[in-house]
Protein backbone atom coordinates (compact mmCIF):
# COMPACT_ATOMS: atom_id res chain seq x y z
CA MET A 1 -32.45 0.97 0.49
CA PHE A 2 -31.69 -1.33 3.45
CA GLU A 3 -34.61 -3.71 2.94
CA THR A 4 -32.49 -6.05 0.81
CA VAL A 5 -31.06 -9.56 0.93
CA SER A 6 -28.00 -8.17 2.78
CA ASP A 7 -30.29 -6.53 5.35
CA THR A 8 -32.01 -9.86 6.00
CA PHE A 9 -28.67 -11.65 6.20
CA VAL A 10 -27.24 -9.16 8.72
CA ARG A 11 -30.34 -9.30 10.93
CA PHE A 12 -30.46 -13.09 10.86
CA SER A 13 -26.72 -13.38 11.52
CA VAL A 14 -26.91 -11.06 14.54
CA PHE A 15 -29.96 -12.89 15.83
CA VAL A 16 -28.29 -16.32 15.57
CA ALA A 17 -25.07 -15.03 17.14
CA VAL A 18 -26.77 -13.33 20.12
CA PHE A 19 -29.16 -16.26 20.64
CA ALA A 20 -26.25 -18.74 20.65
CA ILE A 21 -24.13 -16.62 22.99
CA MET A 22 -26.95 -16.13 25.50
CA ALA A 23 -27.95 -19.82 25.29
CA LEU A 24 -24.37 -20.84 26.13
CA PHE A 25 -24.24 -18.25 28.89
CA GLU A 26 -27.44 -19.74 30.34
CA VAL A 27 -25.73 -23.13 30.57
CA ALA A 28 -22.56 -21.70 32.11
CA ARG A 29 -24.17 -19.24 34.58
CA PRO A 30 -27.91 -19.88 35.00
CA ARG A 31 -29.86 -17.50 37.25
CA ARG A 32 -32.80 -19.82 37.95
CA ARG A 33 -33.61 -23.48 37.77
CA LEU A 34 -36.13 -23.95 34.95
CA ASN A 35 -39.43 -25.66 35.71
CA ALA A 36 -40.67 -26.76 32.28
CA PRO A 37 -38.74 -29.09 29.92
CA LYS A 38 -36.60 -26.91 27.69
CA GLY A 39 -37.06 -29.03 24.55
CA GLN A 40 -40.84 -28.57 24.28
CA ARG A 41 -40.68 -24.87 25.24
CA TRP A 42 -37.94 -24.05 22.77
CA LEU A 43 -39.63 -25.96 19.97
CA THR A 44 -42.81 -23.94 20.54
CA ASN A 45 -41.06 -20.59 20.93
CA LEU A 46 -38.89 -21.10 17.86
CA ALA A 47 -41.91 -22.22 15.86
CA ILE A 48 -43.70 -19.02 16.87
CA ILE A 49 -40.88 -16.79 15.62
CA ALA A 50 -40.76 -18.77 12.37
CA ILE A 51 -44.47 -18.02 11.87
CA ASP A 52 -43.83 -14.37 12.85
CA SER A 53 -41.17 -14.07 10.14
CA VAL A 54 -43.52 -15.46 7.51
CA VAL A 55 -46.26 -13.03 8.56
CA VAL A 56 -43.94 -10.01 8.29
CA ARG A 57 -42.71 -11.12 4.88
CA LEU A 58 -46.27 -11.59 3.63
CA MET A 59 -47.14 -8.11 4.89
CA ALA A 60 -44.22 -6.71 2.92
CA MET A 61 -45.43 -8.49 -0.23
CA VAL A 62 -48.98 -7.23 0.14
CA ALA A 63 -48.26 -3.60 0.99
CA VAL A 64 -44.92 -1.86 0.45
CA PRO A 65 -43.51 -0.10 2.39
CA ILE A 66 -44.79 -2.11 5.33
CA ALA A 67 -41.49 -2.88 7.05
CA ALA A 68 -40.08 -0.12 9.23
CA VAL A 69 -36.81 0.18 7.29
CA ALA A 70 -38.63 0.38 3.95
CA ALA A 71 -40.99 2.94 5.46
CA ALA A 72 -37.99 5.07 6.49
CA SER A 73 -36.63 4.99 2.93
CA PHE A 74 -40.03 5.95 1.55
CA ALA A 75 -40.41 8.78 4.08
CA GLU A 76 -36.96 10.12 3.19
CA VAL A 77 -37.78 10.21 -0.53
CA GLN A 78 -41.14 11.88 0.14
CA GLY A 79 -39.74 14.30 2.71
CA LEU A 80 -42.01 12.99 5.47
CA GLY A 81 -41.30 13.25 9.19
CA LEU A 82 -39.66 15.65 11.62
CA LEU A 83 -36.06 14.52 11.20
CA ASN A 84 -36.28 14.86 7.41
CA TRP A 85 -37.05 18.54 7.90
CA LEU A 86 -34.07 19.19 10.20
CA ALA A 87 -30.48 19.59 9.02
CA TRP A 88 -28.93 17.67 11.89
CA PRO A 89 -25.64 15.75 11.64
CA PRO A 90 -26.24 12.09 10.78
CA TRP A 91 -24.78 10.87 14.09
CA LEU A 92 -27.10 13.09 16.13
CA GLU A 93 -30.12 12.15 14.03
CA THR A 94 -29.31 8.46 14.53
CA LEU A 95 -29.02 8.80 18.33
CA VAL A 96 -32.25 10.78 18.57
CA ALA A 97 -34.06 8.32 16.31
CA ILE A 98 -32.96 5.28 18.33
CA ALA A 99 -33.99 6.92 21.62
CA ALA A 100 -37.34 8.07 20.21
CA LEU A 101 -38.13 4.69 18.66
CA ASP A 102 -37.23 2.93 21.89
CA PHE A 103 -39.62 5.18 23.80
CA THR A 104 -42.45 4.41 21.38
CA ILE A 105 -41.84 0.68 21.85
CA TRP A 106 -42.02 1.25 25.62
CA LEU A 107 -45.37 3.01 25.11
CA GLN A 108 -46.63 0.15 22.97
CA HIS A 109 -45.60 -2.32 25.67
CA VAL A 110 -47.48 -0.37 28.34
CA ALA A 111 -50.57 -0.29 26.09
CA SER A 112 -50.27 -4.06 25.61
CA HIS A 113 -50.77 -4.49 29.35
CA LYS A 114 -53.42 -1.81 29.90
CA MET A 115 -55.75 -2.40 26.94
CA PRO A 116 -57.62 -5.75 26.96
CA MET A 117 -57.68 -6.11 23.17
CA PHE A 118 -53.87 -5.90 23.05
CA TRP A 119 -53.38 -7.89 26.26
CA ARG A 120 -55.16 -10.84 24.64
CA LEU A 121 -52.22 -11.07 22.25
CA HIS A 122 -49.43 -10.07 24.63
CA GLN A 123 -50.42 -12.66 27.24
CA VAL A 124 -48.97 -15.30 24.91
CA HIS A 125 -45.55 -13.85 25.70
CA HIS A 126 -46.19 -13.76 29.46
CA ALA A 127 -47.76 -17.22 29.63
CA ASP A 128 -44.35 -18.85 29.17
CA PRO A 129 -43.86 -20.76 32.47
CA ASP A 130 -40.12 -20.07 32.41
CA ILE A 131 -38.07 -17.14 31.20
CA ASP A 132 -34.94 -17.62 29.14
CA VAL A 133 -33.49 -16.46 25.82
CA SER A 134 -36.28 -18.21 23.88
CA THR A 135 -38.93 -16.14 25.70
CA GLY A 136 -37.45 -13.07 23.98
CA ILE A 137 -38.86 -14.29 20.65
CA ARG A 138 -42.20 -15.61 21.91
CA PHE A 139 -44.71 -13.07 20.53
CA HIS A 140 -48.00 -13.90 18.84
CA PRO A 141 -47.89 -13.32 15.04
CA ILE A 142 -50.80 -10.86 15.20
CA GLU A 143 -48.99 -8.87 17.89
CA ILE A 144 -45.88 -8.79 15.68
CA ALA A 145 -47.99 -7.50 12.76
CA ILE A 146 -49.55 -4.76 14.91
CA SER A 147 -46.14 -3.82 16.28
CA MET A 148 -44.78 -3.47 12.76
CA LEU A 149 -47.69 -1.21 11.76
CA TRP A 150 -47.08 0.89 14.87
CA LYS A 151 -43.38 1.28 14.01
CA VAL A 152 -44.24 2.25 10.43
CA ALA A 153 -46.63 4.94 11.69
CA VAL A 154 -43.96 6.28 14.07
CA VAL A 155 -41.37 6.28 11.28
CA PHE A 156 -43.62 8.39 9.05
CA VAL A 157 -44.08 10.94 11.85
CA LEU A 158 -40.48 10.95 13.07
CA GLY A 159 -38.68 10.66 9.71
CA PRO A 160 -35.52 8.78 10.79
CA SER A 161 -33.01 7.56 8.22
CA ALA A 162 -33.26 3.99 6.95
CA PHE A 163 -29.91 3.26 8.57
CA ALA A 164 -31.12 4.50 11.98
CA VAL A 165 -34.20 2.25 11.79
CA PHE A 166 -32.10 -0.68 10.58
CA LEU A 167 -29.72 -0.19 13.53
CA PHE A 168 -32.60 0.16 15.97
CA GLU A 169 -34.24 -3.06 14.78
CA ILE A 170 -30.99 -4.97 15.33
CA ILE A 171 -30.53 -3.43 18.80
CA LEU A 172 -34.16 -4.16 19.72
CA ASN A 173 -33.93 -7.82 18.71
CA ALA A 174 -30.58 -8.31 20.47
CA SER A 175 -31.76 -6.56 23.65
CA SER A 176 -34.90 -8.71 23.78
CA LEU A 177 -32.76 -11.85 23.72
CA PHE A 178 -30.37 -10.42 26.32
CA SER A 179 -33.00 -9.11 28.75
CA HIS A 180 -34.95 -12.39 28.76
CA ALA A 181 -31.90 -14.62 29.19
CA ASN A 182 -31.67 -16.84 32.25
CA VAL A 183 -28.17 -15.65 33.13
CA ARG A 184 -26.50 -14.58 36.35
CA LEU A 185 -24.56 -11.35 35.94
CA PRO A 186 -22.20 -10.16 38.70
CA ALA A 187 -24.20 -7.85 40.99
CA ARG A 188 -21.89 -4.90 40.43
CA LEU A 189 -22.03 -5.28 36.63
CA ASP A 190 -25.83 -5.52 36.77
CA ARG A 191 -26.04 -2.23 38.74
CA VAL A 192 -23.76 -0.47 36.26
CA LEU A 193 -25.57 -1.78 33.18
CA ARG A 194 -29.11 -1.13 34.39
CA ALA A 195 -28.28 2.55 34.86
CA VAL A 196 -28.59 2.67 31.05
CA ILE A 197 -29.98 -0.59 29.66
CA VAL A 198 -32.41 -3.30 30.71
CA THR A 199 -30.62 -6.27 32.26
CA PRO A 200 -31.97 -9.81 32.70
CA ASP A 201 -32.47 -9.25 36.43
CA MET A 202 -34.38 -6.03 35.77
CA HIS A 203 -36.69 -7.53 33.17
CA ARG A 204 -37.28 -10.81 34.99
CA SER A 205 -39.48 -8.99 37.52
CA HIS A 206 -41.78 -8.09 34.64
CA HIS A 207 -42.55 -11.79 34.14
CA SER A 208 -43.64 -12.35 37.73
CA VAL A 209 -47.13 -13.67 38.45
CA LEU A 210 -47.53 -10.83 40.99
CA SER A 211 -49.50 -8.03 39.34
CA HIS A 212 -47.50 -5.12 40.80
CA GLU A 213 -44.28 -6.64 39.45
CA HIS A 214 -45.83 -7.82 36.20
CA ASN A 215 -47.00 -4.22 35.56
CA SER A 216 -43.53 -2.72 35.89
CA ASN A 217 -40.17 -2.73 34.09
CA TYR A 218 -41.67 -2.45 30.61
CA GLY A 219 -38.42 -1.47 28.90
CA PHE A 220 -36.75 -3.66 26.29
CA ASN A 221 -33.58 -1.65 25.72
CA PHE A 222 -33.17 1.55 27.75
CA SER A 223 -33.99 1.45 31.48
CA ILE A 224 -34.61 5.21 31.72
CA TRP A 225 -38.29 5.17 30.71
CA ASP A 226 -39.46 3.05 33.66
CA LYS A 227 -37.46 5.21 36.06
CA MET A 228 -38.88 8.41 34.57
CA PHE A 229 -42.51 7.29 34.65
CA GLY A 230 -42.57 5.46 37.97
CA THR A 231 -42.89 1.92 36.65
CA TYR A 232 -39.50 0.70 37.87
CA THR A 233 -39.13 -2.28 40.22
CA LEU A 234 -35.67 -2.87 41.67
CA GLU A 235 -36.02 -6.53 42.64
CA PRO A 236 -38.83 -9.13 42.84
CA GLU A 237 -40.07 -9.39 46.42
CA LYS A 238 -39.56 -13.18 46.54
CA GLY A 239 -36.11 -13.02 44.96
CA HIS A 240 -35.08 -14.21 41.50
CA GLU A 241 -34.70 -17.86 42.49
CA ASN A 242 -38.02 -18.13 44.34
CA MET A 243 -40.32 -15.91 42.26
CA THR A 244 -42.99 -17.59 40.12
CA ILE A 245 -42.81 -16.90 36.39
CA GLY A 246 -45.75 -16.71 33.99
CA LEU A 247 -49.46 -16.02 34.48
CA SER A 248 -51.29 -17.40 37.50
CA PRO A 249 -54.23 -18.89 35.49
CA TYR A 250 -51.82 -20.87 33.31
CA GLN A 251 -49.41 -22.55 35.71
CA SER A 252 -49.27 -25.79 33.74
CA ASP A 253 -47.48 -27.22 30.72
CA ALA A 254 -50.19 -25.87 28.36
CA PRO A 255 -48.23 -22.71 27.42
CA THR A 256 -45.39 -24.90 26.15
CA LYS A 257 -47.67 -26.21 23.37
CA LEU A 258 -47.73 -24.42 20.01
CA THR A 259 -51.44 -24.76 19.22
CA TRP A 260 -52.43 -23.66 22.72
CA SER A 261 -50.18 -20.59 22.50
CA LEU A 262 -51.45 -19.52 19.07
CA THR A 263 -55.10 -19.89 20.06
CA LEU A 264 -54.85 -18.30 23.52
CA PRO A 265 -55.92 -14.79 22.35
CA PHE A 266 -59.21 -16.18 21.06
CA ARG A 267 -60.28 -17.73 24.35
CA PRO A 268 -62.11 -15.90 27.19
CA LEU A 269 -59.74 -13.75 29.23
CA ARG A 270 -58.94 -15.26 32.59
CA LYS A 271 -58.23 -12.89 35.43
CA ALA A 272 -54.94 -13.34 37.23
CA ALA A 273 -55.06 -14.23 40.89
């Protein structure tokens, strides 16, 4: 079983390490000049992830196995899921599981933009008036709970090992911090990396106020899904320095406030310009 104290410690350690590295990188090589004061934004975004963590833990206490890793252990014992029926080598099963789970997260992300009931929650993420490493953790607690339920359902159908899910969760969290970071990568390195993974320049277009850019580049980890399904944008039309980040109805300091961000899904939807 990976859903243990050591599991929590490893995840938290990786999160802190990646967050710190990207935050330092943002200071050393920033891609954009930020518009909103970082202190208020970071306080709100960090408070949101703290609430998210409490929600996930409460879910685990109420209904086990509710976490994806615990669900994988349960599925393995019960013989549930496709990969539990196949005698594949562990390394191959792990690679297939990570790719399949990443694709399902891409699908969930697309649904979060296309379905109004899910967009209500996901707009909290996009309302951030700037994009940096802290944006990678800015997700409404209800969206996090729904995402966890979605991953559990996928795990029961797919049947990956607990280790594969554990590894995927770490990669997903780290890639979210990396892809949202306000860092300037060398152009050649960016081209090489985005052939496989989502880079900060690739994902930044997804946070544009322009609808055709905002509805593209959905990937968190692998870049292949957007290229396969025609949702890939190479560069923002106004350039990374001049593009406007966030949602057009909320171009103010309101999204930097915690109460405003948590209550946004329960207000009338405002159409983007």
